[in-house]
Amino acid sequence: SRLGNGEGGAIRTLTRELYVENSTFKDCYAPKGGAIQVANTSATKTEIYGSTFENCRAITGTDQAGGAVKSPAPILIIGDYEYTNDNGERVVRHSLFKDCTAKTAGGVHQTGSASGSTVTVTNASFENCVSTGSGGGALNIGAANLSITGLEGVTTFKGCTASGEGGAVIHDNKTSETLTNVSFEGCEAGTSGGAAYLRAGTINITGGSVKNCTAKTQGGGLRLQGSSKTITGCDFSNNTVTNTDGKGGAIHIEDNGLTFNGGTIDNCSAAYGGGIYKNNGALNFNAGVIKNCRATEAGGGIDNNNGALNFYAAADDAESRIDNCSARIGGGIYHHQSDINLGKSGETSRGRIINCSASESGGGLYINTGGTINVRNT
């Protein structure tokens, strides 16, 4: 279905609630909502289960938003469709968004932002979705709360790109973000957050992976802003920030620090903070590994600015490690201002900074601080 002018290449609806299941939309074009446009600004809920959107586009007109779906509903659910076939077997169909393009949000553009508004995405995958004029190649979300759960063994976001922030996902200045077992691969942002740009009061990321992602300015993998940010057991590899003054090869942190529990950051690079760049707030790095990361300027593993750095392992007989990282200054860690605590007193856990190098100063550590320096079991 194709519309030269108008909304919803396949479906335009003024209903308050839309329910779509076990359906396929292919080669649908329109200026708004390449496949589906919910046109009622008072819409309350949009639900999509086990459906496929392929080569859908919003690429003409002035809006050009939502290559597959555009909805103002404050509740958006994307999930599975389950049924029993003729042989009595249970079949699960997952939602797929593939090769969808728009100026804003190649996959889904959701705009409802009232208090309590929520977008929930479960077991869906997004491949080669593109935002040509702004952020969020796959998802550009306006709701207060965003929850994404990935399917084990399946890449959630693959090859998604945006000219602005968030190669695959942008969710800016909101209440909460929860990502569980979500994987990003080969995503790219024209500015920051190669995989995603997330900014909310509370950010929780558990499991999953971010690999082969690129940004120009900040956060080759993730750019995170918010009052409370926790990453647990997520692995980062081969992520890059390309600008000569770029920051945070794997992760760029702004405001109120980060707690990083477990997980590995491997072979990531930037000018500042080959693994992690953090500005403001405490960085609590617990039982994780950063290895083979590079910074052309400062902090091959970590560039920590304006806030405490706590580098330790909470469990006995565990360790945090920075291994084989390099920079001009601070091959392992560059630390600027506030306290730095390496290791913990009286415990069998430890911190390790090994095989690191600097072309000028501080092969392992470069500490530029007026705060307290504590080194224990390291």
Protein backbone atom coordinates (compact mmCIF):
# COMPACT_ATOMS: atom_id res chain seq x y z
CA SER A 1 0.00 0.00 0.00
CA ARG A 2 1.33 3.42 -0.87
CA LEU A 3 0.08 6.94 -0.24
CA GLY A 4 1.76 9.90 -1.88
CA ASN A 5 0.05 12.23 0.58
CA GLY A 6 -1.75 11.41 3.82
CA GLU A 7 -1.26 9.06 6.74
CA GLY A 8 -0.93 5.32 7.24
CA GLY A 9 0.22 3.50 4.14
CA ALA A 10 -1.83 0.43 5.11
CA ILE A 11 -3.95 1.55 8.08
CA ARG A 12 -5.08 4.93 9.33
CA THR A 13 -7.38 4.81 12.34
CA LEU A 14 -9.21 7.29 14.55
CA THR A 15 -10.05 4.67 17.17
CA ARG A 16 -8.81 5.12 20.74
CA GLU A 17 -7.49 1.54 20.85
CA LEU A 18 -5.78 -0.45 18.10
CA TYR A 19 -5.04 -4.19 18.30
CA VAL A 20 -2.95 -5.92 15.61
CA GLU A 21 -1.89 -9.56 15.72
CA ASN A 22 -0.27 -12.15 13.43
CA SER A 23 -0.14 -9.74 10.48
CA THR A 24 2.37 -8.74 7.83
CA PHE A 25 2.94 -5.26 6.37
CA LYS A 26 5.29 -5.03 3.40
CA ASP A 27 6.27 -2.17 1.08
CA CYS A 28 3.93 0.31 2.74
CA TYR A 29 4.65 4.02 2.21
CA ALA A 30 3.08 7.21 3.59
CA PRO A 31 4.25 10.60 4.90
CA LYS A 32 3.23 9.58 8.45
CA GLY A 33 3.13 6.00 9.67
CA GLY A 34 4.49 4.10 6.69
CA ALA A 35 2.30 1.10 7.58
CA ILE A 36 0.12 2.27 10.50
CA GLN A 37 -0.92 5.75 11.63
CA VAL A 38 -3.02 6.19 14.77
CA ALA A 39 -4.50 9.61 14.01
CA ASN A 40 -6.60 10.12 17.14
CA THR A 41 -4.65 12.37 19.51
CA SER A 42 -6.82 11.01 22.36
CA ALA A 43 -5.88 7.39 21.60
CA THR A 44 -5.28 5.35 24.75
CA LYS A 45 -3.59 2.12 23.66
CA THR A 46 -1.82 0.56 20.67
CA GLU A 47 -1.02 -3.18 20.79
CA ILE A 48 0.97 -5.15 18.22
CA TYR A 49 1.59 -8.89 18.61
CA GLY A 50 3.56 -11.26 16.41
CA SER A 51 3.51 -9.03 13.34
CA THR A 52 6.08 -8.22 10.66
CA PHE A 53 6.83 -4.82 9.13
CA GLU A 54 9.17 -4.98 6.15
CA ASN A 55 10.38 -2.16 3.92
CA CYS A 56 7.84 0.30 5.28
CA ARG A 57 8.65 3.99 4.92
CA ALA A 58 7.62 7.49 5.89
CA ILE A 59 9.78 9.42 3.47
CA THR A 60 7.64 12.12 1.85
CA GLY A 61 5.83 15.23 3.09
CA THR A 62 6.73 17.39 6.09
CA ASP A 63 6.33 14.91 8.99
CA GLN A 64 8.04 11.73 7.76
CA ALA A 65 7.72 10.01 11.15
CA GLY A 66 7.29 6.34 11.99
CA GLY A 67 8.55 4.25 9.10
CA ALA A 68 6.43 1.34 10.32
CA VAL A 69 4.16 2.75 13.06
CA LYS A 70 3.27 6.18 14.40
CA SER A 71 1.06 6.41 17.49
CA PRO A 72 0.25 9.07 20.11
CA ALA A 73 -1.22 6.48 22.49
CA PRO A 74 0.35 6.66 25.98
CA ILE A 75 0.33 2.85 26.16
CA LEU A 76 2.15 0.93 23.42
CA ILE A 77 2.77 -2.81 23.64
CA ILE A 78 4.79 -4.85 21.15
CA GLY A 79 4.91 -8.58 21.94
CA ASP A 80 4.46 -12.18 20.78
CA TYR A 81 1.52 -13.95 19.16
CA GLU A 82 1.00 -17.52 20.36
CA TYR A 83 -1.24 -20.17 18.84
CA THR A 84 -1.62 -23.95 18.50
CA ASN A 85 -1.17 -25.38 15.00
CA ASP A 86 -3.06 -28.26 13.42
CA ASN A 87 -0.62 -30.74 14.96
CA GLY A 88 -1.37 -29.49 18.44
CA GLU A 89 2.03 -27.77 18.70
CA ARG A 90 2.46 -24.42 20.42
CA VAL A 91 3.83 -21.81 18.01
CA VAL A 92 5.18 -18.40 18.97
CA ARG A 93 5.54 -15.63 16.40
CA HIS A 94 7.76 -12.72 17.37
CA SER A 95 7.36 -9.20 16.01
CA LEU A 96 9.89 -8.06 13.41
CA PHE A 97 10.66 -4.61 12.00
CA LYS A 98 13.00 -4.86 9.02
CA ASP A 99 14.36 -2.33 6.51
CA CYS A 100 12.00 0.41 7.68
CA THR A 101 12.91 4.09 7.17
CA ALA A 102 11.70 7.55 8.16
CA LYS A 103 13.06 10.98 8.85
CA THR A 104 12.10 10.39 12.51
CA ALA A 105 12.03 6.80 13.84
CA GLY A 106 12.52 4.25 11.10
CA GLY A 107 10.61 1.66 13.12
CA VAL A 108 8.20 3.10 15.69
CA HIS A 109 7.48 6.70 16.65
CA GLN A 110 5.45 6.91 19.88
CA THR A 111 4.62 10.40 21.14
CA GLY A 112 2.23 10.08 24.11
CA SER A 113 4.14 11.39 27.13
CA ALA A 114 1.61 11.77 29.97
CA SER A 115 2.56 10.73 33.48
CA GLY A 116 2.41 6.94 33.67
CA SER A 117 2.68 6.48 29.91
CA THR A 118 4.56 3.26 29.09
CA VAL A 119 6.06 1.51 26.09
CA THR A 120 6.72 -2.22 26.51
CA VAL A 121 8.63 -4.20 23.88
CA THR A 122 9.06 -7.95 24.39
CA ASN A 123 10.98 -10.40 22.18
CA ALA A 124 10.77 -8.18 19.09
CA SER A 125 13.67 -7.55 16.73
CA PHE A 126 14.61 -4.55 14.62
CA GLU A 127 16.90 -4.91 11.61
CA ASN A 128 18.34 -2.15 9.43
CA CYS A 129 15.87 0.49 10.56
CA VAL A 130 16.94 4.03 9.70
CA SER A 131 16.16 7.53 10.92
CA THR A 132 17.46 9.93 8.27
CA GLY A 133 16.79 13.23 10.02
CA SER A 134 16.89 12.74 13.80
CA GLY A 135 17.44 10.15 16.55
CA GLY A 136 16.22 6.60 17.09
CA GLY A 137 16.73 4.46 14.01
CA ALA A 138 14.36 1.82 15.37
CA LEU A 139 12.52 3.46 18.29
CA ASN A 140 11.87 7.11 19.11
CA ILE A 141 9.81 7.00 22.31
CA GLY A 142 7.99 9.82 24.07
CA ALA A 143 6.41 7.83 26.91
CA ALA A 144 7.55 8.38 30.49
CA ASN A 145 8.58 4.73 30.90
CA LEU A 146 10.31 2.37 28.48
CA SER A 147 10.81 -1.37 29.01
CA ILE A 148 12.54 -3.61 26.45
CA THR A 149 13.12 -7.34 26.93
CA GLY A 150 15.23 -9.21 24.39
CA LEU A 151 14.89 -12.79 23.19
CA GLU A 152 17.78 -15.07 24.11
CA GLY A 153 19.94 -15.90 21.11
CA VAL A 154 18.37 -13.22 18.89
CA THR A 155 19.84 -9.77 18.27
CA THR A 156 17.25 -7.19 19.35
CA PHE A 157 18.63 -4.27 17.32
CA LYS A 158 20.86 -4.97 14.33
CA GLY A 159 22.25 -2.53 11.80
CA CYS A 160 20.03 0.36 12.89
CA THR A 161 21.22 3.90 12.20
CA ALA A 162 20.23 7.48 12.97
CA SER A 163 21.57 10.80 11.79
CA GLY A 164 21.12 12.16 15.32
CA GLU A 165 21.29 10.58 18.77
CA GLY A 166 20.60 6.91 19.45
CA GLY A 167 21.45 4.70 16.50
CA ALA A 168 18.69 2.26 17.46
CA VAL A 169 16.84 3.85 20.41
CA ILE A 170 16.26 7.33 21.79
CA HIS A 171 14.28 7.94 24.99
CA ASP A 172 15.06 11.42 26.23
CA ASN A 173 14.33 13.18 29.55
CA LYS A 174 11.88 10.61 30.92
CA THR A 175 11.05 8.69 34.13
CA SER A 176 12.46 5.18 33.76
CA GLU A 177 14.18 2.83 31.34
CA THR A 178 14.57 -0.92 31.82
CA LEU A 179 16.50 -3.07 29.34
CA THR A 180 16.69 -6.82 30.01
CA ASN A 181 18.76 -9.17 27.82
CA VAL A 182 18.71 -6.61 25.01
CA SER A 183 21.41 -6.93 22.35
CA PHE A 184 22.65 -4.28 19.93
CA GLU A 185 24.90 -5.03 16.96
CA GLY A 186 26.30 -2.81 14.23
CA CYS A 187 24.25 0.27 15.10
CA GLU A 188 25.44 3.81 14.36
CA ALA A 189 24.56 7.34 15.47
CA GLY A 190 25.47 10.54 13.67
CA THR A 191 26.07 12.23 17.03
CA SER A 192 25.96 10.28 20.32
CA GLY A 193 24.83 6.88 21.57
CA GLY A 194 25.76 4.47 18.78
CA ALA A 195 23.30 1.88 20.09
CA ALA A 196 21.07 4.03 22.31
CA TYR A 197 20.69 7.40 23.98
CA LEU A 198 18.83 6.97 27.27
CA ARG A 199 18.00 9.81 29.63
CA ALA A 200 15.71 9.16 32.58
CA GLY A 201 15.42 9.36 36.35
CA THR A 202 16.15 5.63 36.67
CA ILE A 203 18.02 3.48 34.17
CA ASN A 204 18.48 -0.27 34.71
CA ILE A 205 20.26 -2.47 32.16
CA THR A 206 20.60 -6.18 32.90
CA GLY A 207 22.30 -8.75 30.66
CA GLY A 208 22.52 -8.41 26.91
CA SER A 209 25.33 -7.01 24.81
CA VAL A 210 26.44 -4.00 22.76
CA LYS A 211 28.90 -4.70 19.96
CA ASN A 212 30.28 -3.14 16.79
CA CYS A 213 28.44 0.14 17.38
CA THR A 214 29.70 3.61 16.47
CA ALA A 215 29.01 7.24 17.34
CA LYS A 216 30.74 10.42 16.27
CA THR A 217 30.82 12.40 19.53
CA GLN A 218 29.87 10.46 22.68
CA GLY A 219 29.11 6.88 23.66
CA GLY A 220 30.07 4.50 20.88
CA GLY A 221 27.78 1.98 22.57
CA LEU A 222 25.55 3.84 25.04
CA ARG A 223 25.07 7.42 26.13
CA LEU A 224 23.31 7.55 29.51
CA GLN A 225 22.00 10.46 31.56
CA GLY A 226 19.91 10.22 34.71
CA SER A 227 19.83 10.34 38.48
CA SER A 228 20.23 6.56 38.98
CA LYS A 229 21.99 4.31 36.47
CA THR A 230 22.88 0.62 36.91
CA ILE A 231 24.37 -1.81 34.39
CA THR A 232 24.60 -5.46 35.48
CA GLY A 233 26.18 -8.27 33.47
CA CYS A 234 26.10 -6.52 30.08
CA ASP A 235 29.01 -7.06 27.67
CA PHE A 236 30.44 -4.40 25.34
CA SER A 237 32.84 -5.09 22.47
CA ASN A 238 34.29 -3.32 19.43
CA ASN A 239 32.48 -0.03 19.99
CA THR A 240 34.00 3.26 18.82
CA VAL A 241 33.65 7.04 19.01
CA THR A 242 35.21 8.47 15.87
CA ASN A 243 35.70 12.22 16.47
CA THR A 244 39.15 13.33 17.56
CA ASP A 245 37.68 14.72 20.78
CA GLY A 246 35.09 11.94 21.23
CA LYS A 247 34.30 10.45 24.64
CA GLY A 248 33.32 7.00 25.90
CA GLY A 249 34.10 4.22 23.44
CA ALA A 250 31.66 1.84 25.11
CA ILE A 251 29.72 4.08 27.52
CA HIS A 252 29.38 7.81 28.05
CA ILE A 253 27.95 8.83 31.44
CA GLU A 254 26.66 12.29 32.23
CA ASP A 255 25.26 13.31 35.63
CA ASN A 256 25.01 11.31 38.86
CA GLY A 257 27.43 8.55 37.99
CA LEU A 258 26.97 4.85 37.31
CA THR A 259 27.05 1.49 39.08
CA PHE A 260 28.61 -1.16 36.81
CA ASN A 261 28.22 -4.69 38.19
CA GLY A 262 30.02 -7.46 36.33
CA GLY A 263 30.20 -7.59 32.56
CA THR A 264 33.09 -7.02 30.16
CA ILE A 265 34.17 -4.07 28.02
CA ASP A 266 36.52 -5.28 25.28
CA ASN A 267 38.32 -3.56 22.38
CA CYS A 268 36.52 -0.22 22.54
CA SER A 269 38.05 3.15 21.67
CA ALA A 270 37.67 6.93 21.87
CA ALA A 271 39.82 10.00 22.39
CA TYR A 272 38.80 10.14 26.07
CA GLY A 273 37.71 7.04 27.95
CA GLY A 274 38.30 4.11 25.61
CA GLY A 275 36.00 2.01 27.77
CA ILE A 276 34.04 4.43 29.96
CA TYR A 277 33.88 8.21 30.11
CA LYS A 278 32.04 9.63 33.12
CA ASN A 279 31.36 13.25 34.03
CA ASN A 280 29.81 14.08 37.43
CA GLY A 281 28.68 11.68 40.15
CA ALA A 282 30.31 8.53 41.51
CA LEU A 283 31.42 5.66 39.29
CA ASN A 284 31.12 2.35 41.17
CA PHE A 285 32.89 -0.32 39.14
CA ASN A 286 32.24 -3.71 40.79
CA ALA A 287 33.69 -7.02 39.58
CA GLY A 288 33.89 -6.03 35.93
CA VAL A 289 36.60 -6.30 33.29
CA ILE A 290 37.85 -3.67 30.84
CA LYS A 291 40.42 -4.98 28.38
CA ASN A 292 42.12 -4.05 25.11
CA CYS A 293 40.62 -0.56 25.11
CA ARG A 294 42.33 2.55 23.75
CA ALA A 295 42.14 6.31 24.15
CA THR A 296 44.18 8.61 21.99
CA GLU A 297 44.17 11.16 24.81
CA ALA A 298 43.16 10.17 28.39
CA GLY A 299 41.92 7.04 30.13
CA GLY A 300 42.43 3.93 28.02
CA GLY A 301 40.08 2.01 30.30
CA ILE A 302 38.29 4.73 32.27
CA ASP A 303 38.27 8.53 32.10
CA ASN A 304 36.62 9.62 35.34
CA ASN A 305 35.80 13.31 35.84
CA ASN A 306 34.20 15.23 38.70
CA GLY A 307 33.11 12.48 41.06
CA ALA A 308 34.47 9.58 43.10
CA LEU A 309 35.77 6.41 41.49
CA ASN A 310 35.26 3.19 43.44
CA PHE A 311 37.03 0.32 41.69
CA TYR A 312 36.51 -2.92 43.62
CA ALA A 313 34.82 -6.32 43.85
CA ALA A 314 32.09 -6.66 46.49
CA ALA A 315 32.23 -10.47 46.69
CA ASP A 316 35.10 -12.37 48.31
CA ASP A 317 37.66 -13.89 45.96
CA ALA A 318 36.43 -11.68 43.11
CA GLU A 319 38.17 -8.88 41.27
CA SER A 320 37.75 -5.89 39.02
CA ARG A 321 40.34 -5.74 36.26
CA ILE A 322 41.67 -3.35 33.63
CA ASP A 323 43.96 -5.23 31.26
CA ASN A 324 46.02 -4.21 28.22
CA CYS A 325 44.58 -0.72 27.83
CA SER A 326 46.45 2.32 26.54
CA ALA A 327 46.27 6.10 26.26
CA ARG A 328 48.45 9.19 26.02
CA ILE A 329 47.94 9.72 29.77
CA GLY A 330 46.41 7.18 32.14
CA GLY A 331 46.71 3.93 30.21
CA GLY A 332 44.38 2.16 32.64
CA ILE A 333 42.59 5.02 34.42
CA TYR A 334 42.60 8.81 34.17
CA HIS A 335 41.02 10.31 37.29
CA HIS A 336 40.28 14.01 37.69
CA GLN A 337 38.98 15.56 40.93
CA SER A 338 37.27 13.94 43.95
CA ASP A 339 38.20 10.71 45.75
CA ILE A 340 39.53 7.52 44.21
CA ASN A 341 39.21 4.18 46.01
CA LEU A 342 40.95 1.17 44.49
CA GLY A 343 40.14 -2.12 46.20
CA LYS A 344 38.53 -2.56 49.62
CA SER A 345 40.14 -2.91 53.01
CA GLY A 346 40.27 -6.25 54.84
CA GLU A 347 38.79 -8.37 52.08
CA THR A 348 40.03 -11.08 49.73
CA SER A 349 38.59 -9.34 46.69
CA ARG A 350 40.89 -7.04 44.76
CA GLY A 351 41.37 -4.64 41.89
CA ARG A 352 43.88 -5.31 39.14
CA ILE A 353 45.35 -2.87 36.60
CA ILE A 354 47.77 -4.86 34.45
CA ASN A 355 49.60 -4.67 31.12
CA CYS A 356 48.50 -1.05 30.56
CA SER A 357 50.60 1.69 28.97
CA ALA A 358 50.74 5.44 28.34
CA SER A 359 52.76 7.22 25.70
CA GLU A 360 53.39 10.13 28.12
CA SER A 361 52.33 9.67 31.77
CA GLY A 362 50.67 7.16 34.06
CA GLY A 363 50.91 3.76 32.42
CA GLY A 364 48.42 2.32 34.89
CA LEU A 365 46.99 5.40 36.63
CA TYR A 366 47.07 9.13 36.09
CA ILE A 367 45.51 10.81 39.13
CA ASN A 368 44.86 14.53 38.93
CA THR A 369 42.87 15.20 42.10
CA GLY A 370 42.59 17.21 45.28
CA GLY A 371 40.58 14.40 46.88
CA THR A 372 41.59 11.34 48.90
CA ILE A 373 43.44 8.46 47.28
CA ASN A 374 42.98 4.99 48.81
CA VAL A 375 44.72 1.96 47.33
CA ARG A 376 44.04 -1.41 49.00
CA ASN A 377 44.41 -4.99 47.79
CA THR A 378 45.19 -3.72 44.31
